[in-house]
Amino acid sequence: MFDRTVQLAPSLGQVYDRSRPVWVDLNELYRHGFLGDASSATLLIRQQGLVVTGRTPGTLHAWLRTEEGYCAGLMFFQITARTESTAPPLTLKHLVPKGALRPRAQEERGREPQY
């Protein structure tokens, strides 16, 4: 995952040798929403725009500490357009607050996204 081995002080974070499967709660991650008036979006945009609600599978690669002391997961996950035929999935590498992550149970894992 990394170009070189990353050494972190234990108080600053933990990098995993193997990624951990988790759920990313997009409602929590984007709870403050996006700026603008959603009611002005055209019907086409509402039907085919990116889905940033619900939950999506992701892989947790590291826990990192922010300067305020909060934990954030270094994540890879995908978001898709409402109509998948209009655009390929968008893969994001993102810091996600701990409150927006939940472990995926073994039976929920199924086919893992390829990042």
Protein backbone atom coordinates (compact mmCIF):
# COMPACT_ATOMS: atom_id res chain seq x y z
CA MET A 1 0.00 0.00 0.00
CA PHE A 2 2.76 2.45 0.87
CA ASP A 3 5.82 3.14 -1.28
CA ARG A 4 8.02 2.57 1.74
CA THR A 5 7.63 1.34 5.28
CA VAL A 6 6.09 3.96 7.50
CA GLN A 7 7.27 4.12 11.09
CA LEU A 8 4.94 5.94 13.44
CA ALA A 9 5.33 6.57 17.13
CA PRO A 10 2.69 4.38 18.82
CA SER A 11 0.98 7.50 20.16
CA LEU A 12 0.46 8.85 16.60
CA GLY A 13 -1.10 5.86 14.94
CA GLN A 14 -0.98 2.28 13.79
CA VAL A 15 -0.38 1.03 10.23
CA TYR A 16 -1.75 -2.43 9.44
CA ASP A 17 0.20 -5.01 7.43
CA ARG A 18 -3.15 -6.18 6.06
CA SER A 19 -6.13 -3.97 5.49
CA ARG A 20 -9.24 -4.41 7.63
CA PRO A 21 -12.71 -4.63 6.05
CA VAL A 22 -15.09 -2.01 7.42
CA TRP A 23 -18.31 -0.20 6.60
CA VAL A 24 -18.04 3.52 5.92
CA ASP A 25 -21.16 5.40 7.05
CA LEU A 26 -21.47 8.08 4.38
CA ASN A 27 -24.30 9.81 6.30
CA GLU A 28 -21.93 10.34 9.23
CA LEU A 29 -18.93 11.20 7.07
CA TYR A 30 -20.85 13.83 5.11
CA ARG A 31 -23.30 14.79 7.87
CA HIS A 32 -22.69 18.50 7.34
CA GLY A 33 -23.69 18.07 3.72
CA PHE A 34 -22.44 20.06 0.79
CA LEU A 35 -22.87 23.77 0.18
CA GLY A 36 -25.58 24.80 -2.21
CA ASP A 37 -29.28 24.36 -2.71
CA ALA A 38 -30.09 20.70 -3.42
CA SER A 39 -33.60 21.64 -4.52
CA SER A 40 -32.12 23.40 -7.56
CA ALA A 41 -30.60 20.16 -8.90
CA THR A 42 -32.20 18.99 -12.11
CA LEU A 43 -34.05 15.69 -12.31
CA LEU A 44 -31.16 14.27 -14.38
CA ILE A 45 -28.64 15.14 -11.64
CA ARG A 46 -30.88 13.68 -8.92
CA GLN A 47 -31.23 10.46 -10.95
CA GLN A 48 -27.57 10.08 -11.96
CA GLY A 49 -25.49 12.01 -9.39
CA LEU A 50 -23.04 10.49 -6.91
CA VAL A 51 -24.59 8.62 -3.98
CA VAL A 52 -23.11 10.00 -0.75
CA THR A 53 -25.65 8.49 1.66
CA GLY A 54 -25.98 5.08 3.27
CA ARG A 55 -22.99 2.85 3.83
CA THR A 56 -20.32 1.47 1.55
CA PRO A 57 -17.65 -1.21 2.04
CA GLY A 58 -14.12 0.03 2.53
CA THR A 59 -10.69 -1.07 3.69
CA LEU A 60 -8.97 0.41 6.72
CA HIS A 61 -5.19 0.68 6.28
CA ALA A 62 -4.17 2.70 9.34
CA TRP A 63 -5.37 4.61 12.36
CA LEU A 64 -3.89 8.10 12.64
CA ARG A 65 -4.19 10.80 15.31
CA THR A 66 -5.12 14.36 14.47
CA GLU A 67 -3.51 17.33 16.19
CA GLU A 68 -6.66 17.62 18.32
CA GLY A 69 -6.22 14.00 19.46
CA TYR A 70 -9.05 12.45 17.43
CA CYS A 71 -8.66 9.09 15.67
CA ALA A 72 -9.10 8.94 11.90
CA GLY A 73 -8.94 5.88 9.69
CA LEU A 74 -6.91 5.97 6.48
CA MET A 75 -9.47 4.41 4.16
CA PHE A 76 -9.99 3.29 0.61
CA PHE A 77 -13.65 3.13 -0.43
CA GLN A 78 -15.81 3.70 -3.47
CA ILE A 79 -18.82 5.83 -4.18
CA THR A 80 -20.99 5.30 -7.20
CA ALA A 81 -23.43 7.24 -9.31
CA ARG A 82 -27.10 6.50 -8.67
CA THR A 83 -27.21 4.89 -12.12
CA GLU A 84 -24.00 2.86 -12.32
CA SER A 85 -24.03 2.83 -16.12
CA THR A 86 -23.49 6.62 -16.21
CA ALA A 87 -20.08 6.60 -14.50
CA PRO A 88 -17.60 4.05 -13.12
CA PRO A 89 -17.21 3.83 -9.33
CA LEU A 90 -15.03 6.59 -7.87
CA THR A 91 -12.31 5.21 -5.56
CA LEU A 92 -11.41 7.51 -2.70
CA LYS A 93 -8.39 7.47 -0.39
CA HIS A 94 -9.62 9.45 2.55
CA LEU A 95 -9.23 10.12 6.28
CA VAL A 96 -12.49 9.10 7.92
CA PRO A 97 -13.51 9.90 11.52
CA LYS A 98 -13.70 6.87 13.81
CA GLY A 99 -17.45 7.42 14.35
CA ALA A 100 -18.16 6.77 10.66
CA LEU A 101 -16.50 3.31 10.63
CA ARG A 102 -17.85 -0.09 11.67
CA PRO A 103 -16.18 -3.51 11.28
CA ARG A 104 -17.71 -5.75 8.62
CA ALA A 105 -18.71 -9.19 9.86
CA GLN A 106 -17.28 -12.22 8.05
CA GLU A 107 -20.62 -12.99 6.39
CA GLU A 108 -20.92 -9.38 5.16
CA ARG A 109 -17.59 -9.33 3.39
CA GLY A 110 -18.47 -11.18 0.19
CA ARG A 111 -16.61 -9.83 -2.81
CA GLU A 112 -14.10 -7.19 -1.74
CA PRO A 113 -13.74 -4.00 -3.78
CA GLN A 114 -10.53 -3.89 -5.82
CA TYR A 115 -8.52 -0.72 -5.14
